[in-house]
């Protein structure tokens, strides 16, 4: 959060201190006066919704405008392992020197030397998607659900829960926002209004989740 506060104007909680006690790390931070945008979203006037979504577009663009450090592939903000409890098997992943290494890990290190005619539905296309060249990683929140966006009136006053943030492939923000929470399905209709729609990437991620993980 301090990194985001220092490099953007995105509203994040002010961090007062962090400490470890009995093997667990705690952060003492500002409590933001706002409510999750999930609250009563459907009851908001369209004009109010649009004002909030315009601000979220700016949040996404500001993240994209922050350049990664030299030599970063896929990693957390400091260059260490990324955290994501939704990924299968483990919570900490990497860091990875390249996006290709990250993708290989996502598919359980499988290289798929098989007869395409015998492959499960969608797998050949999925592997080809992973094997293509990707742009450099971008700063990504990784959990832009409606529960992590705080508003007061028509103003976005806080983006919270940055534990999944890091340098990740450009499509990652979109597929995570779209798939993030089974109690957040209404938000899927809004994601395309503040993030660039990536239907092909979303379909490939659905194939990944079908064969290689719950998320």
Protein backbone atom coordinates (compact mmCIF):
# COMPACT_ATOMS: atom_id res chain seq x y z
CA UNK A 1 0.00 0.00 0.00
CA UNK A 2 2.87 2.36 0.72
CA UNK A 3 4.30 1.66 -2.74
CA UNK A 4 0.95 2.44 -4.37
CA UNK A 5 0.56 5.59 -2.28
CA UNK A 6 4.04 6.75 -3.30
CA UNK A 7 3.58 6.11 -7.02
CA UNK A 8 -0.09 6.93 -7.67
CA UNK A 9 -2.97 9.02 -6.37
CA UNK A 10 -5.09 5.90 -5.78
CA UNK A 11 -6.79 6.17 -2.36
CA UNK A 12 -5.36 3.48 -0.08
CA UNK A 13 -5.29 3.19 3.72
CA UNK A 14 -2.39 4.93 5.42
CA UNK A 15 -0.09 2.36 7.03
CA UNK A 16 1.01 3.26 10.57
CA UNK A 17 3.16 0.24 11.36
CA UNK A 18 3.61 -3.48 10.78
CA UNK A 19 4.90 -6.11 13.17
CA UNK A 20 5.20 -9.86 13.65
CA UNK A 21 3.85 -11.53 16.78
CA UNK A 22 4.01 -15.27 17.43
CA UNK A 23 4.78 -15.94 13.80
CA UNK A 24 1.97 -13.85 12.36
CA UNK A 25 2.34 -10.47 10.68
CA UNK A 26 -0.03 -7.62 11.50
CA UNK A 27 -0.55 -4.22 9.88
CA UNK A 28 -1.92 -1.22 11.74
CA UNK A 29 -3.57 1.07 9.21
CA UNK A 30 -6.05 3.86 8.75
CA UNK A 31 -9.74 3.00 8.85
CA UNK A 32 -11.32 4.59 5.79
CA UNK A 33 -14.72 6.20 6.17
CA UNK A 34 -16.55 4.43 3.36
CA UNK A 35 -18.71 1.45 2.49
CA UNK A 36 -18.06 -1.36 -0.02
CA UNK A 37 -19.44 -0.50 -3.43
CA UNK A 38 -21.24 -3.87 -3.26
CA UNK A 39 -23.64 -2.32 -0.78
CA UNK A 40 -26.85 -1.27 -2.57
CA UNK A 41 -25.12 -0.99 -5.96
CA UNK A 42 -28.28 -1.97 -7.84
CA UNK A 43 -30.19 0.80 -6.08
CA UNK A 44 -27.76 3.52 -7.13
CA UNK A 45 -28.89 5.86 -9.92
CA UNK A 46 -27.14 5.16 -13.23
CA UNK A 47 -25.42 8.54 -12.98
CA UNK A 48 -23.91 7.58 -9.63
CA UNK A 49 -22.75 4.22 -10.96
CA UNK A 50 -21.11 5.89 -13.95
CA UNK A 51 -19.22 8.37 -11.77
CA UNK A 52 -17.80 5.53 -9.69
CA UNK A 53 -16.86 3.43 -12.73
CA UNK A 54 -15.03 6.39 -14.30
CA UNK A 55 -12.92 6.66 -11.13
CA UNK A 56 -12.20 2.92 -11.25
CA UNK A 57 -11.00 3.28 -14.84
CA UNK A 58 -8.53 5.84 -13.57
CA UNK A 59 -7.41 3.48 -10.79
CA UNK A 60 -6.72 0.75 -13.35
CA UNK A 61 -4.86 3.15 -15.64
CA UNK A 62 -2.71 4.52 -12.85
CA UNK A 63 -1.62 0.99 -11.95
CA UNK A 64 -0.73 0.35 -15.60
CA UNK A 65 1.33 3.53 -15.72
CA UNK A 66 3.77 2.35 -13.03
CA UNK A 67 6.78 0.72 -14.67
CA UNK A 68 8.14 -2.51 -13.17
CA UNK A 69 11.73 -2.63 -11.90
CA UNK A 70 14.31 -4.01 -14.29
CA UNK A 71 14.47 -7.77 -14.39
CA UNK A 72 11.01 -8.38 -12.93
CA UNK A 73 9.04 -11.26 -14.42
CA UNK A 74 6.08 -12.21 -12.23
CA UNK A 75 6.50 -11.28 -8.57
CA UNK A 76 5.07 -9.33 -5.69
CA UNK A 77 5.71 -5.60 -5.51
CA UNK A 78 9.11 -6.11 -3.83
CA UNK A 79 10.16 -8.82 -6.29
CA UNK A 80 9.37 -11.75 -4.00
CA UNK A 81 6.76 -14.52 -4.17
CA UNK A 82 3.22 -13.56 -5.11
CA UNK A 83 0.46 -14.44 -2.66
CA UNK A 84 -2.88 -15.80 -3.83
CA UNK A 85 -4.80 -18.24 -1.68
CA UNK A 86 -7.21 -18.87 -4.57
CA UNK A 87 -4.58 -20.62 -6.69
CA UNK A 88 -4.38 -24.41 -6.31
CA UNK A 89 -2.02 -26.23 -3.99
CA UNK A 90 -0.22 -23.37 -2.26
CA UNK A 91 -0.60 -19.72 -1.31
CA UNK A 92 2.84 -18.37 -2.27
CA UNK A 93 4.12 -18.67 -5.84
CA UNK A 94 7.45 -17.75 -7.39
CA UNK A 95 8.89 -15.30 -7.97
CA UNK A 96 9.20 -16.14 -11.66
CA UNK A 97 11.83 -14.82 -14.05
CA UNK A 98 9.40 -14.83 -16.97
CA UNK A 99 5.69 -14.95 -17.68
CA UNK A 100 6.30 -18.30 -19.37
CA UNK A 101 7.66 -19.72 -16.09
CA UNK A 102 4.57 -18.43 -14.28
CA UNK A 103 2.26 -20.00 -16.84
CA UNK A 104 4.12 -23.29 -16.68
CA UNK A 105 3.59 -23.38 -12.91
CA UNK A 106 -0.11 -22.62 -13.34
CA UNK A 107 -0.46 -25.76 -15.45
CA UNK A 108 1.48 -27.93 -12.99
CA UNK A 109 4.71 -27.78 -15.03
CA UNK A 110 3.09 -29.73 -17.86
CA UNK A 111 4.54 -29.21 -21.35
CA UNK A 112 1.77 -31.08 -23.21
CA UNK A 113 3.61 -33.27 -25.65
CA UNK A 114 0.50 -35.03 -26.94
CA UNK A 115 -1.59 -35.75 -30.00
CA UNK A 116 -3.84 -32.67 -30.36
CA UNK A 117 -6.64 -34.83 -31.70
CA UNK A 118 -6.84 -36.59 -28.33
CA UNK A 119 -6.60 -33.48 -26.17
CA UNK A 120 -9.48 -32.46 -23.90
CA UNK A 121 -11.72 -29.70 -25.17
CA UNK A 122 -9.94 -26.34 -25.29
CA UNK A 123 -6.58 -27.55 -24.01
CA UNK A 124 -4.65 -27.11 -27.27
CA UNK A 125 -5.87 -23.52 -27.58
CA UNK A 126 -5.04 -22.95 -23.91
CA UNK A 127 -1.48 -24.24 -24.30
CA UNK A 128 -0.97 -22.07 -27.40
CA UNK A 129 -2.22 -19.11 -25.39
CA UNK A 130 0.34 -19.78 -22.65
CA UNK A 131 3.14 -20.27 -25.16
CA UNK A 132 2.70 -16.94 -26.92
CA UNK A 133 4.85 -13.91 -26.19
CA UNK A 134 3.39 -11.55 -23.58
CA UNK A 135 4.15 -7.90 -22.84
CA UNK A 136 6.05 -7.15 -19.64
CA UNK A 137 4.18 -7.53 -16.38
CA UNK A 138 2.12 -4.66 -15.02
CA UNK A 139 1.24 -3.52 -11.52
CA UNK A 140 -1.89 -5.46 -10.60
CA UNK A 141 -4.21 -5.34 -7.59
CA UNK A 142 -5.45 -8.87 -8.21
CA UNK A 143 -8.74 -8.70 -6.30
CA UNK A 144 -10.86 -5.81 -7.55
CA UNK A 145 -14.11 -7.23 -6.27
CA UNK A 146 -16.89 -4.91 -5.18
CA UNK A 147 -16.03 -5.72 -1.55
CA UNK A 148 -12.56 -4.16 -1.89
CA UNK A 149 -13.72 -0.83 -3.33
CA UNK A 150 -14.89 1.68 -0.72
CA UNK A 151 -17.10 4.60 -1.65
CA UNK A 152 -18.66 7.56 0.08
CA UNK A 153 -21.48 9.01 -1.92
CA UNK A 154 -20.30 9.02 -5.53
CA UNK A 155 -16.60 9.09 -4.65
CA UNK A 156 -14.17 6.18 -4.48
CA UNK A 157 -12.42 6.75 -1.14
CA UNK A 158 -10.44 3.55 -0.76
CA UNK A 159 -9.07 0.50 -2.55
CA UNK A 160 -8.25 -2.15 0.05
CA UNK A 161 -6.93 -5.73 0.41
CA UNK A 162 -3.67 -5.48 -1.54
CA UNK A 163 -2.24 -8.83 -0.44
CA UNK A 164 -2.54 -10.29 -3.96
CA UNK A 165 -0.90 -7.26 -5.61
CA UNK A 166 2.21 -7.60 -7.70
CA UNK A 167 3.72 -7.56 -11.15
CA UNK A 168 1.59 -9.88 -13.26
CA UNK A 169 0.63 -10.44 -16.92
CA UNK A 170 -1.56 -7.62 -18.31
CA UNK A 171 -4.66 -9.84 -18.55
CA UNK A 172 -4.50 -10.99 -14.91
CA UNK A 173 -6.36 -8.02 -13.41
CA UNK A 174 -9.33 -8.59 -15.69
CA UNK A 175 -9.73 -12.35 -15.21
CA UNK A 176 -9.31 -12.01 -11.43
CA UNK A 177 -11.88 -9.21 -11.19
CA UNK A 178 -14.33 -11.23 -13.26
CA UNK A 179 -13.91 -14.52 -11.39
CA UNK A 180 -12.96 -13.40 -7.94
CA UNK A 181 -15.94 -14.16 -5.69
CA UNK A 182 -18.99 -16.44 -6.03
CA UNK A 183 -20.96 -13.95 -3.93
CA UNK A 184 -19.98 -11.14 -6.26
CA UNK A 185 -21.52 -12.29 -9.54
CA UNK A 186 -23.40 -9.04 -10.15
CA UNK A 187 -20.00 -7.33 -10.38
CA UNK A 188 -19.14 -9.32 -13.49
CA UNK A 189 -21.59 -7.12 -15.37
CA UNK A 190 -19.66 -4.02 -14.29
CA UNK A 191 -16.06 -5.18 -14.75
CA UNK A 192 -16.19 -4.58 -18.51
CA UNK A 193 -17.15 -0.98 -17.79
CA UNK A 194 -13.91 -0.09 -16.02
CA UNK A 195 -11.41 -2.68 -17.30
CA UNK A 196 -10.73 -3.41 -20.97
CA UNK A 197 -12.77 -6.53 -21.84
CA UNK A 198 -10.58 -9.52 -22.67
CA UNK A 199 -13.00 -12.29 -23.67
CA UNK A 200 -10.36 -14.58 -25.16
CA UNK A 201 -8.12 -14.33 -22.10
CA UNK A 202 -11.13 -14.92 -19.86
CA UNK A 203 -12.05 -18.05 -21.78
CA UNK A 204 -8.48 -19.33 -21.53
CA UNK A 205 -8.50 -18.73 -17.78
CA UNK A 206 -11.78 -20.64 -17.49
CA UNK A 207 -10.06 -23.59 -19.19
CA UNK A 208 -7.13 -23.27 -16.77
CA UNK A 209 -9.46 -23.36 -13.79
CA UNK A 210 -11.37 -26.31 -15.20
CA UNK A 211 -8.31 -28.52 -15.58
CA UNK A 212 -5.72 -27.11 -13.16
CA UNK A 213 -7.42 -25.47 -10.21
CA UNK A 214 -10.57 -24.36 -8.47
CA UNK A 215 -9.98 -20.68 -9.13
